[in-house]
Amino acid sequence: MSVDDRNWFQLIFDFRSSVIPGVFGQVLVLVIFAALVSLANQNGLPLSAIDSDSIGSLIPELVLGLLLVFRTDAAYTRFWEGSGIISDIVDLSRSLARSIWVYVDADDEAAEQEKIAHTRIVGLFLASVKQHLRSENVDAPMQALLTDGQTKELQEVNHMPLRITQWLSVYLKKMRQKGKLSDIMFTELNKILDQLTLSMGSCERILGTPLPLAYAIHLKHLLFLYFLTVPFKLVATLGWLTPLAVGVIAFALLGIEEIGLEIENPFGYDPNDLPLDEQAQELRDDIEEIIAGKIQPVSD
């Protein structure tokens, strides 16, 4: 994965990766509302006479801030855990592919081609997990490395990653029965398959257990009530600058909530989600290097 070496100013104007597209409409509505409050105040309505301290006590800012911090922290925990699980899948897949390539004997051309095909299938495990988590079918890079029969089979099953581990299990069992894989290595490679299956299940757990809906709704209610009161707190001192101040406050608070919402599911297509497509391609490239012999086992 490439390192982002952009400078401070380039990052400021990176609107696509920021939360601006997600909160722009909400901020605009709140700015318009604040402008109407300022207009009403300038036209004689005694809004500036309202006790701002009393309004501020309705939704304590400290409480709202703590709720937003908790929301973001919970989402980032899910993001970080998802990142670690995907890294584990990459490492386990590399280890499994290298071990198959090194420890499975192939004494003729047919056996060699079969070993190459199944080593490449290992490299498709992360791609299958990615597609499964996104509720999508076999993609083009996967299809290019599969036979028509394998592609059709994956398109018809409900769980592509499990089917791929099944293919690999059958292959390893076949190699052991033919005496081309030792019992010790057969056991070790099946342990790696078990770990891959567990890692896949952990991804499903993250995807299937979002932040409780009641908490998310309650936070939105509090934010809504808070922003209804902010213009009345500020109009007495800021006048026509109230919409600008409300816009800045809304951008800050709604942006924090939007970040939490975006990274809560780290397996999607949002700009700040995990780069699963790139990681899947990198794994396939690593497998091809193993097959090409560019990565050699350490000699005894």
C-alpha atoms as a PDB file:
ATOM      1  CA  MET A   1       0.000   0.000   0.000  1.00  0.00           C
ATOM      2  CA  SER A   2       1.437   3.355  -1.012  1.00  0.00           C
ATOM      3  CA  VAL A   3       2.238   6.025   1.547  1.00  0.00           C
ATOM      4  CA  ASP A   4       0.349   9.309   1.345  1.00  0.00           C
ATOM      5  CA  ASP A   5       3.153  11.870   1.008  1.00  0.00           C
ATOM      6  CA  ARG A   6       0.959  14.885   0.238  1.00  0.00           C
ATOM      7  CA  ASN A   7       1.699  18.079   2.119  1.00  0.00           C
ATOM      8  CA  TRP A   8      -0.561  19.855   4.599  1.00  0.00           C
ATOM      9  CA  PHE A   9      -2.204  22.126   2.026  1.00  0.00           C
ATOM     10  CA  GLN A  10      -2.911  19.265  -0.376  1.00  0.00           C
ATOM     11  CA  LEU A  11      -4.663  17.369   2.396  1.00  0.00           C
ATOM     12  CA  ILE A  12      -6.773  20.413   3.298  1.00  0.00           C
ATOM     13  CA  PHE A  13      -8.183  20.546  -0.236  1.00  0.00           C
ATOM     14  CA  ASP A  14      -8.736  16.811  -0.578  1.00  0.00           C
ATOM     15  CA  PHE A  15     -12.528  17.114  -0.490  1.00  0.00           C
ATOM     16  CA  ARG A  16     -13.179  13.596  -1.819  1.00  0.00           C
ATOM     17  CA  SER A  17     -11.519  11.884   1.160  1.00  0.00           C
ATOM     18  CA  SER A  18     -12.942  14.353   3.674  1.00  0.00           C
ATOM     19  CA  VAL A  19     -16.375  14.361   5.301  1.00  0.00           C
ATOM     20  CA  ILE A  20     -17.441  17.507   3.429  1.00  0.00           C
ATOM     21  CA  PRO A  21     -19.592  15.687   0.829  1.00  0.00           C
ATOM     22  CA  GLY A  22     -21.376  13.835   3.617  1.00  0.00           C
ATOM     23  CA  VAL A  23     -22.207  16.845   5.799  1.00  0.00           C
ATOM     24  CA  PHE A  24     -22.474  19.687   3.270  1.00  0.00           C
ATOM     25  CA  GLY A  25     -26.266  19.511   2.949  1.00  0.00           C
ATOM     26  CA  GLN A  26     -26.852  19.421   6.702  1.00  0.00           C
ATOM     27  CA  VAL A  27     -24.450  22.292   7.337  1.00  0.00           C
ATOM     28  CA  LEU A  28     -26.109  24.367   4.599  1.00  0.00           C
ATOM     29  CA  VAL A  29     -29.559  23.862   6.147  1.00  0.00           C
ATOM     30  CA  LEU A  30     -28.273  24.904   9.572  1.00  0.00           C
ATOM     31  CA  VAL A  31     -26.548  27.978   8.136  1.00  0.00           C
ATOM     32  CA  ILE A  32     -29.802  29.001   6.428  1.00  0.00           C
ATOM     33  CA  PHE A  33     -31.674  28.527   9.690  1.00  0.00           C
ATOM     34  CA  ALA A  34     -29.103  30.649  11.518  1.00  0.00           C
ATOM     35  CA  ALA A  35     -29.420  33.329   8.842  1.00  0.00           C
ATOM     36  CA  LEU A  36     -33.199  33.406   9.369  1.00  0.00           C
ATOM     37  CA  VAL A  37     -32.676  33.780  13.121  1.00  0.00           C
ATOM     38  CA  SER A  38     -30.250  36.658  12.496  1.00  0.00           C
ATOM     39  CA  LEU A  39     -32.684  38.269  10.071  1.00  0.00           C
ATOM     40  CA  ALA A  40     -35.513  38.001  12.586  1.00  0.00           C
ATOM     41  CA  ASN A  41     -33.318  39.501  15.297  1.00  0.00           C
ATOM     42  CA  GLN A  42     -32.289  42.421  13.075  1.00  0.00           C
ATOM     43  CA  ASN A  43     -35.941  43.098  12.235  1.00  0.00           C
ATOM     44  CA  GLY A  44     -37.040  43.661  15.777  1.00  0.00           C
ATOM     45  CA  LEU A  45     -37.844  40.285  17.237  1.00  0.00           C
ATOM     46  CA  PRO A  46     -36.316  40.241  20.757  1.00  0.00           C
ATOM     47  CA  LEU A  47     -34.237  37.109  20.165  1.00  0.00           C
ATOM     48  CA  SER A  48     -31.124  38.712  21.627  1.00  0.00           C
ATOM     49  CA  ALA A  49     -32.959  39.079  24.920  1.00  0.00           C
ATOM     50  CA  ILE A  50     -33.205  35.299  25.352  1.00  0.00           C
ATOM     51  CA  ASP A  51     -31.040  33.990  28.182  1.00  0.00           C
ATOM     52  CA  SER A  52     -28.253  32.169  26.339  1.00  0.00           C
ATOM     53  CA  ASP A  53     -27.091  30.421  29.522  1.00  0.00           C
ATOM     54  CA  SER A  54     -30.524  28.861  29.980  1.00  0.00           C
ATOM     55  CA  ILE A  55     -30.559  27.662  26.377  1.00  0.00           C
ATOM     56  CA  GLY A  56     -27.046  26.263  26.689  1.00  0.00           C
ATOM     57  CA  SER A  57     -28.030  24.219  29.729  1.00  0.00           C
ATOM     58  CA  LEU A  58     -30.649  22.321  27.686  1.00  0.00           C
ATOM     59  CA  ILE A  59     -28.000  20.214  25.911  1.00  0.00           C
ATOM     60  CA  PRO A  60     -24.718  20.360  27.873  1.00  0.00           C
ATOM     61  CA  GLU A  61     -21.866  20.638  25.389  1.00  0.00           C
ATOM     62  CA  LEU A  62     -19.666  18.372  27.497  1.00  0.00           C
ATOM     63  CA  VAL A  63     -22.235  15.580  27.356  1.00  0.00           C
ATOM     64  CA  LEU A  64     -22.650  15.978  23.602  1.00  0.00           C
ATOM     65  CA  GLY A  65     -18.882  15.997  23.132  1.00  0.00           C
ATOM     66  CA  LEU A  66     -18.448  12.820  25.160  1.00  0.00           C
ATOM     67  CA  LEU A  67     -21.156  11.087  23.151  1.00  0.00           C
ATOM     68  CA  LEU A  68     -19.471  12.048  19.885  1.00  0.00           C
ATOM     69  CA  VAL A  69     -16.077  10.887  21.157  1.00  0.00           C
ATOM     70  CA  PHE A  70     -17.555   7.561  22.189  1.00  0.00           C
ATOM     71  CA  ARG A  71     -19.255   7.219  18.797  1.00  0.00           C
ATOM     72  CA  THR A  72     -16.040   7.863  16.909  1.00  0.00           C
ATOM     73  CA  ASP A  73     -13.939   5.692  19.210  1.00  0.00           C
ATOM     74  CA  ALA A  74     -16.331   2.763  18.797  1.00  0.00           C
ATOM     75  CA  ALA A  75     -16.216   3.126  15.004  1.00  0.00           C
ATOM     76  CA  TYR A  76     -12.419   3.428  14.919  1.00  0.00           C
ATOM     77  CA  THR A  77     -12.071   0.314  17.077  1.00  0.00           C
ATOM     78  CA  ARG A  78     -14.049  -1.591  14.441  1.00  0.00           C
ATOM     79  CA  PHE A  79     -11.920  -0.071  11.665  1.00  0.00           C
ATOM     80  CA  TRP A  80      -8.649  -0.953  13.406  1.00  0.00           C
ATOM     81  CA  GLU A  81      -9.799  -4.493  14.185  1.00  0.00           C
ATOM     82  CA  GLY A  82     -10.888  -4.978  10.582  1.00  0.00           C
ATOM     83  CA  SER A  83      -7.510  -3.759   9.363  1.00  0.00           C
ATOM     84  CA  GLY A  84      -5.724  -6.238  11.620  1.00  0.00           C
ATOM     85  CA  ILE A  85      -7.899  -9.138  10.472  1.00  0.00           C
ATOM     86  CA  ILE A  86      -7.297  -8.355   6.797  1.00  0.00           C
ATOM     87  CA  SER A  87      -3.558  -8.200   7.469  1.00  0.00           C
ATOM     88  CA  ASP A  88      -3.782 -11.606   9.141  1.00  0.00           C
ATOM     89  CA  ILE A  89      -5.567 -13.003   6.091  1.00  0.00           C
ATOM     90  CA  VAL A  90      -2.817 -11.663   3.831  1.00  0.00           C
ATOM     91  CA  ASP A  91      -0.057 -13.142   6.014  1.00  0.00           C
ATOM     92  CA  LEU A  92      -1.798 -16.502   6.373  1.00  0.00           C
ATOM     93  CA  SER A  93      -2.470 -16.679   2.641  1.00  0.00           C
ATOM     94  CA  ARG A  94       1.177 -15.988   1.825  1.00  0.00           C
ATOM     95  CA  SER A  95       2.269 -18.653   4.288  1.00  0.00           C
ATOM     96  CA  LEU A  96      -0.188 -21.210   2.908  1.00  0.00           C
ATOM     97  CA  ALA A  97       0.774 -20.521  -0.704  1.00  0.00           C
ATOM     98  CA  ARG A  98       4.495 -20.735   0.041  1.00  0.00           C
ATOM     99  CA  SER A  99       4.050 -23.979   1.953  1.00  0.00           C
ATOM    100  CA  ILE A 100       1.975 -25.584  -0.809  1.00  0.00           C
ATOM    101  CA  TRP A 101       4.564 -24.525  -3.362  1.00  0.00           C
ATOM    102  CA  VAL A 102       7.476 -25.865  -1.327  1.00  0.00           C
ATOM    103  CA  TYR A 103       6.113 -28.981   0.355  1.00  0.00           C
ATOM    104  CA  VAL A 104       3.739 -30.508  -2.207  1.00  0.00           C
ATOM    105  CA  ASP A 105       5.659 -32.760  -4.584  1.00  0.00           C
ATOM    106  CA  ALA A 106       4.813 -32.455  -8.282  1.00  0.00           C
ATOM    107  CA  ASP A 107       6.587 -35.123 -10.309  1.00  0.00           C
ATOM    108  CA  ASP A 108       4.910 -34.553 -13.680  1.00  0.00           C
ATOM    109  CA  GLU A 109       3.450 -31.731 -15.755  1.00  0.00           C
ATOM    110  CA  ALA A 110      -0.147 -32.413 -14.750  1.00  0.00           C
ATOM    111  CA  ALA A 111       0.719 -32.370 -11.045  1.00  0.00           C
ATOM    112  CA  GLU A 112       2.726 -29.174 -11.542  1.00  0.00           C
ATOM    113  CA  GLN A 113      -0.180 -27.424 -13.236  1.00  0.00           C
ATOM    114  CA  GLU A 114      -2.550 -28.595 -10.519  1.00  0.00           C
ATOM    115  CA  LYS A 115      -0.220 -27.210  -7.855  1.00  0.00           C
ATOM    116  CA  ILE A 116       0.044 -23.879  -9.678  1.00  0.00           C
ATOM    117  CA  ALA A 117      -3.744 -23.646  -9.974  1.00  0.00           C
ATOM    118  CA  HIS A 118      -4.335 -24.298  -6.272  1.00  0.00           C
ATOM    119  CA  THR A 119      -1.532 -21.957  -5.212  1.00  0.00           C
ATOM    120  CA  ARG A 120      -3.280 -19.240  -7.198  1.00  0.00           C
ATOM    121  CA  ILE A 121      -6.581 -20.142  -5.553  1.00  0.00           C
ATOM    122  CA  VAL A 122      -4.959 -19.312  -2.207  1.00  0.00           C
ATOM    123  CA  GLY A 123      -4.316 -15.839  -3.591  1.00  0.00           C
ATOM    124  CA  LEU A 124      -8.019 -15.472  -4.321  1.00  0.00           C
ATOM    125  CA  PHE A 125      -9.143 -16.039  -0.741  1.00  0.00           C
ATOM    126  CA  LEU A 126      -8.905 -12.356   0.267  1.00  0.00           C
ATOM    127  CA  ALA A 127     -10.702 -11.328  -2.927  1.00  0.00           C
ATOM    128  CA  SER A 128     -13.480 -13.795  -2.140  1.00  0.00           C
ATOM    129  CA  VAL A 129     -13.758 -12.416   1.409  1.00  0.00           C
ATOM    130  CA  LYS A 130     -13.941  -8.891  -0.021  1.00  0.00           C
ATOM    131  CA  GLN A 131     -16.687  -9.816  -2.456  1.00  0.00           C
ATOM    132  CA  HIS A 132     -18.591 -11.743   0.214  1.00  0.00           C
ATOM    133  CA  LEU A 133     -18.502  -8.833   2.668  1.00  0.00           C
ATOM    134  CA  ARG A 134     -19.757  -6.505  -0.053  1.00  0.00           C
ATOM    135  CA  SER A 135     -22.494  -8.968  -1.106  1.00  0.00           C
ATOM    136  CA  GLU A 136     -21.032  -9.081  -4.606  1.00  0.00           C
ATOM    137  CA  ASN A 137     -20.242 -11.924  -6.965  1.00  0.00           C
ATOM    138  CA  VAL A 138     -17.019 -13.082  -8.622  1.00  0.00           C
ATOM    139  CA  ASP A 139     -15.108 -10.087  -9.988  1.00  0.00           C
ATOM    140  CA  ALA A 140     -13.007  -9.932 -13.143  1.00  0.00           C
ATOM    141  CA  PRO A 141      -9.560 -10.444 -11.505  1.00  0.00           C
ATOM    142  CA  MET A 142     -10.863 -13.575  -9.780  1.00  0.00           C
ATOM    143  CA  GLN A 143     -12.498 -14.894 -12.927  1.00  0.00           C
ATOM    144  CA  ALA A 144      -9.229 -14.529 -14.844  1.00  0.00           C
ATOM    145  CA  LEU A 145      -7.574 -17.100 -12.535  1.00  0.00           C
ATOM    146  CA  LEU A 146     -10.454 -19.576 -12.365  1.00  0.00           C
ATOM    147  CA  THR A 147     -11.828 -22.122 -14.784  1.00  0.00           C
ATOM    148  CA  ASP A 148     -15.312 -21.618 -16.161  1.00  0.00           C
ATOM    149  CA  GLY A 149     -16.556 -24.409 -13.910  1.00  0.00           C
ATOM    150  CA  GLN A 150     -15.014 -22.866 -10.802  1.00  0.00           C
ATOM    151  CA  THR A 151     -16.409 -19.438 -11.664  1.00  0.00           C
ATOM    152  CA  LYS A 152     -19.889 -20.871 -12.130  1.00  0.00           C
ATOM    153  CA  GLU A 153     -19.624 -22.781  -8.854  1.00  0.00           C
ATOM    154  CA  LEU A 154     -18.606 -19.657  -6.905  1.00  0.00           C
ATOM    155  CA  GLN A 155     -21.397 -17.663  -8.514  1.00  0.00           C
ATOM    156  CA  GLU A 156     -23.950 -20.188  -7.308  1.00  0.00           C
ATOM    157  CA  VAL A 157     -22.835 -20.587  -3.687  1.00  0.00           C
ATOM    158  CA  ASN A 158     -23.817 -18.337  -0.792  1.00  0.00           C
ATOM    159  CA  HIS A 159     -20.349 -18.256   0.750  1.00  0.00           C
ATOM    160  CA  MET A 160     -17.424 -17.975  -1.686  1.00  0.00           C
ATOM    161  CA  PRO A 161     -14.609 -18.005   0.928  1.00  0.00           C
ATOM    162  CA  LEU A 162     -15.867 -21.257   2.435  1.00  0.00           C
ATOM    163  CA  ARG A 163     -16.033 -22.886  -0.983  1.00  0.00           C
ATOM    164  CA  ILE A 164     -12.447 -21.842  -1.686  1.00  0.00           C
ATOM    165  CA  THR A 165     -11.243 -23.354   1.613  1.00  0.00           C
ATOM    166  CA  GLN A 166     -13.151 -26.501   0.695  1.00  0.00           C
ATOM    167  CA  TRP A 167     -11.336 -26.718  -2.653  1.00  0.00           C
ATOM    168  CA  LEU A 168      -8.003 -26.336  -0.880  1.00  0.00           C
ATOM    169  CA  SER A 169      -8.888 -28.915   1.764  1.00  0.00           C
ATOM    170  CA  VAL A 170      -9.831 -31.451  -0.914  1.00  0.00           C
ATOM    171  CA  TYR A 171      -6.567 -30.767  -2.760  1.00  0.00           C
ATOM    172  CA  LEU A 172      -4.431 -31.182   0.355  1.00  0.00           C
ATOM    173  CA  LYS A 173      -6.212 -34.415   1.263  1.00  0.00           C
ATOM    174  CA  LYS A 174      -5.672 -35.730  -2.256  1.00  0.00           C
ATOM    175  CA  MET A 175      -1.961 -34.896  -2.121  1.00  0.00           C
ATOM    176  CA  ARG A 176      -1.577 -36.623   1.244  1.00  0.00           C
ATOM    177  CA  GLN A 177      -3.332 -39.742  -0.021  1.00  0.00           C
ATOM    178  CA  LYS A 178      -0.998 -39.820  -3.025  1.00  0.00           C
ATOM    179  CA  GLY A 179       2.016 -39.511  -0.751  1.00  0.00           C
ATOM    180  CA  LYS A 180       2.987 -36.106  -2.153  1.00  0.00           C
ATOM    181  CA  LEU A 181       2.415 -34.300   1.150  1.00  0.00           C
ATOM    182  CA  SER A 182       3.581 -35.493   4.560  1.00  0.00           C
ATOM    183  CA  ASP A 183       1.133 -36.013   7.395  1.00  0.00           C
ATOM    184  CA  ILE A 184       2.867 -33.318   9.458  1.00  0.00           C
ATOM    185  CA  MET A 185       2.605 -30.711   6.706  1.00  0.00           C
ATOM    186  CA  PHE A 186      -0.973 -31.767   5.957  1.00  0.00           C
ATOM    187  CA  THR A 187      -1.877 -31.026   9.575  1.00  0.00           C
ATOM    188  CA  GLU A 188      -0.033 -27.699   9.568  1.00  0.00           C
ATOM    189  CA  LEU A 189      -1.613 -26.505   6.329  1.00  0.00           C
ATOM    190  CA  ASN A 190      -5.079 -27.416   7.558  1.00  0.00           C
ATOM    191  CA  LYS A 191      -4.404 -25.348  10.681  1.00  0.00           C
ATOM    192  CA  ILE A 192      -3.731 -22.365   8.415  1.00  0.00           C
ATOM    193  CA  LEU A 193      -7.016 -23.025   6.608  1.00  0.00           C
ATOM    194  CA  ASP A 194      -8.775 -23.068   9.988  1.00  0.00           C
ATOM    195  CA  GLN A 195      -7.181 -19.719  10.868  1.00  0.00           C
ATOM    196  CA  LEU A 196      -8.294 -18.240   7.559  1.00  0.00           C
ATOM    197  CA  THR A 197     -11.832 -19.419   8.252  1.00  0.00           C
ATOM    198  CA  LEU A 198     -11.775 -17.859  11.728  1.00  0.00           C
ATOM    199  CA  SER A 199     -10.452 -14.574  10.329  1.00  0.00           C
ATOM    200  CA  MET A 200     -13.232 -14.520   7.765  1.00  0.00           C
ATOM    201  CA  GLY A 201     -15.760 -15.072  10.556  1.00  0.00           C
ATOM    202  CA  SER A 202     -14.298 -12.136  12.481  1.00  0.00           C
ATOM    203  CA  CYS A 203     -14.876  -9.902   9.460  1.00  0.00           C
ATOM    204  CA  GLU A 204     -18.475 -11.083   9.304  1.00  0.00           C
ATOM    205  CA  ARG A 205     -18.875 -10.293  13.000  1.00  0.00           C
ATOM    206  CA  ILE A 206     -17.717  -6.702  12.456  1.00  0.00           C
ATOM    207  CA  LEU A 207     -20.023  -6.309   9.468  1.00  0.00           C
ATOM    208  CA  GLY A 208     -23.006  -7.875  11.214  1.00  0.00           C
ATOM    209  CA  THR A 209     -22.837  -5.993  14.520  1.00  0.00           C
ATOM    210  CA  PRO A 210     -22.990  -2.249  13.848  1.00  0.00           C
ATOM    211  CA  LEU A 211     -23.375   0.344  16.557  1.00  0.00           C
ATOM    212  CA  PRO A 212     -26.799  -0.119  18.214  1.00  0.00           C
ATOM    213  CA  LEU A 213     -29.384   1.828  16.230  1.00  0.00           C
ATOM    214  CA  ALA A 214     -30.948   3.339  19.359  1.00  0.00           C
ATOM    215  CA  TYR A 215     -27.615   4.949  20.270  1.00  0.00           C
ATOM    216  CA  ALA A 216     -27.133   6.382  16.774  1.00  0.00           C
ATOM    217  CA  ILE A 217     -30.688   7.766  16.710  1.00  0.00           C
ATOM    218  CA  HIS A 218     -30.363   9.303  20.169  1.00  0.00           C
ATOM    219  CA  LEU A 219     -27.126  11.042  19.184  1.00  0.00           C
ATOM    220  CA  LYS A 220     -28.800  12.498  16.093  1.00  0.00           C
ATOM    221  CA  HIS A 221     -31.704  13.735  18.220  1.00  0.00           C
ATOM    222  CA  LEU A 222     -29.314  15.508  20.585  1.00  0.00           C
ATOM    223  CA  LEU A 223     -27.388  17.062  17.712  1.00  0.00           C
ATOM    224  CA  PHE A 224     -30.621  18.250  16.133  1.00  0.00           C
ATOM    225  CA  LEU A 225     -31.817  19.869  19.365  1.00  0.00           C
ATOM    226  CA  TYR A 226     -28.401  21.395  19.993  1.00  0.00           C
ATOM    227  CA  PHE A 227     -28.238  23.040  16.569  1.00  0.00           C
ATOM    228  CA  LEU A 228     -31.742  24.426  17.007  1.00  0.00           C
ATOM    229  CA  THR A 229     -30.535  26.332  20.061  1.00  0.00           C
ATOM    230  CA  VAL A 230     -27.099  27.479  18.890  1.00  0.00           C
ATOM    231  CA  PRO A 231     -28.245  30.457  16.752  1.00  0.00           C
ATOM    232  CA  PHE A 232     -30.269  31.874  19.654  1.00  0.00           C
ATOM    233  CA  LYS A 233     -27.186  31.637  21.903  1.00  0.00           C
ATOM    234  CA  LEU A 234     -24.962  33.492  19.453  1.00  0.00           C
ATOM    235  CA  VAL A 235     -27.188  36.055  17.750  1.00  0.00           C
ATOM    236  CA  ALA A 236     -26.982  38.601  20.593  1.00  0.00           C
ATOM    237  CA  THR A 237     -23.203  38.894  20.341  1.00  0.00           C
ATOM    238  CA  LEU A 238     -22.449  37.961  16.731  1.00  0.00           C
ATOM    239  CA  GLY A 239     -25.404  39.362  14.813  1.00  0.00           C
ATOM    240  CA  TRP A 240     -24.966  38.699  11.092  1.00  0.00           C
ATOM    241  CA  LEU A 241     -21.886  36.561  11.803  1.00  0.00           C
ATOM    242  CA  THR A 242     -24.125  33.981  13.483  1.00  0.00           C
ATOM    243  CA  PRO A 243     -24.621  31.881  10.299  1.00  0.00           C
ATOM    244  CA  LEU A 244     -20.851  31.665   9.813  1.00  0.00           C
ATOM    245  CA  ALA A 245     -20.291  30.588  13.403  1.00  0.00           C
ATOM    246  CA  VAL A 246     -23.098  28.037  13.208  1.00  0.00           C
ATOM    247  CA  GLY A 247     -21.620  26.664   9.980  1.00  0.00           C
ATOM    248  CA  VAL A 248     -18.216  26.159  11.608  1.00  0.00           C
ATOM    249  CA  ILE A 249     -19.726  24.480  14.682  1.00  0.00           C
ATOM    250  CA  ALA A 250     -21.980  22.283  12.561  1.00  0.00           C
ATOM    251  CA  PHE A 251     -19.075  21.266  10.308  1.00  0.00           C
ATOM    252  CA  ALA A 252     -16.998  20.290  13.341  1.00  0.00           C
ATOM    253  CA  LEU A 253     -19.641  18.253  15.160  1.00  0.00           C
ATOM    254  CA  LEU A 254     -21.393  16.714  12.165  1.00  0.00           C
ATOM    255  CA  GLY A 255     -18.010  15.910  10.650  1.00  0.00           C
ATOM    256  CA  ILE A 256     -17.055  13.878  13.713  1.00  0.00           C
ATOM    257  CA  GLU A 257     -20.311  11.949  13.485  1.00  0.00           C
ATOM    258  CA  GLU A 258     -19.846  11.397   9.748  1.00  0.00           C
ATOM    259  CA  ILE A 259     -16.337  10.019  10.279  1.00  0.00           C
ATOM    260  CA  GLY A 260     -17.712   7.481  12.732  1.00  0.00           C
ATOM    261  CA  LEU A 261     -20.467   6.524  10.307  1.00  0.00           C
ATOM    262  CA  GLU A 262     -18.034   6.129   7.399  1.00  0.00           C
ATOM    263  CA  ILE A 263     -15.446   3.932   9.118  1.00  0.00           C
ATOM    264  CA  GLU A 264     -17.981   1.868  11.077  1.00  0.00           C
ATOM    265  CA  ASN A 265     -18.029  -0.593   8.170  1.00  0.00           C
ATOM    266  CA  PRO A 266     -14.395  -0.676   6.967  1.00  0.00           C
ATOM    267  CA  PHE A 267     -15.054  -3.123   4.124  1.00  0.00           C
ATOM    268  CA  GLY A 268     -17.050  -0.901   1.762  1.00  0.00           C
ATOM    269  CA  TYR A 269     -16.286   1.648  -0.941  1.00  0.00           C
ATOM    270  CA  ASP A 270     -16.049   4.860   1.091  1.00  0.00           C
ATOM    271  CA  PRO A 271     -12.823   6.818   0.478  1.00  0.00           C
ATOM    272  CA  ASN A 272     -11.617   6.096   4.019  1.00  0.00           C
ATOM    273  CA  ASP A 273     -12.482   2.390   4.066  1.00  0.00           C
ATOM    274  CA  LEU A 274      -9.800  -0.282   3.903  1.00  0.00           C
ATOM    275  CA  PRO A 275      -8.179  -0.532   0.429  1.00  0.00           C
ATOM    276  CA  LEU A 276      -9.342  -4.119  -0.048  1.00  0.00           C
ATOM    277  CA  ASP A 277      -9.113  -4.073  -3.842  1.00  0.00           C
ATOM    278  CA  GLU A 278      -5.468  -2.992  -3.717  1.00  0.00           C
ATOM    279  CA  GLN A 279      -4.644  -5.484  -0.944  1.00  0.00           C
ATOM    280  CA  ALA A 280      -6.268  -8.327  -2.870  1.00  0.00           C
ATOM    281  CA  GLN A 281      -4.262  -7.421  -5.974  1.00  0.00           C
ATOM    282  CA  GLU A 282      -1.027  -7.212  -3.975  1.00  0.00           C
ATOM    283  CA  LEU A 283      -1.674 -10.686  -2.570  1.00  0.00           C
ATOM    284  CA  ARG A 284      -2.245 -12.079  -6.058  1.00  0.00           C
ATOM    285  CA  ASP A 285       1.005 -10.464  -7.195  1.00  0.00           C
ATOM    286  CA  ASP A 286       2.865 -12.017  -4.251  1.00  0.00           C
ATOM    287  CA  ILE A 287       1.487 -15.446  -5.134  1.00  0.00           C
ATOM    288  CA  GLU A 288       2.631 -15.021  -8.729  1.00  0.00           C
ATOM    289  CA  GLU A 289       6.132 -14.220  -7.475  1.00  0.00           C
ATOM    290  CA  ILE A 290       6.121 -17.403  -5.415  1.00  0.00           C
ATOM    291  CA  ILE A 291       5.069 -19.421  -8.465  1.00  0.00           C
ATOM    292  CA  ALA A 292       7.660 -17.704 -10.643  1.00  0.00           C
ATOM    293  CA  GLY A 293      10.352 -18.701  -8.168  1.00  0.00           C
ATOM    294  CA  LYS A 294      11.324 -15.151  -7.242  1.00  0.00           C
ATOM    295  CA  ILE A 295      10.638 -15.965  -3.580  1.00  0.00           C
ATOM    296  CA  GLN A 296      12.738 -18.981  -2.693  1.00  0.00           C
ATOM    297  CA  PRO A 297      12.578 -21.019   0.557  1.00  0.00           C
ATOM    298  CA  VAL A 298      15.574 -20.729   2.851  1.00  0.00           C
ATOM    299  CA  SER A 299      17.894 -23.626   2.144  1.00  0.00           C
ATOM    300  CA  ASP A 300      18.965 -25.992   4.929  1.00  0.00           C
END
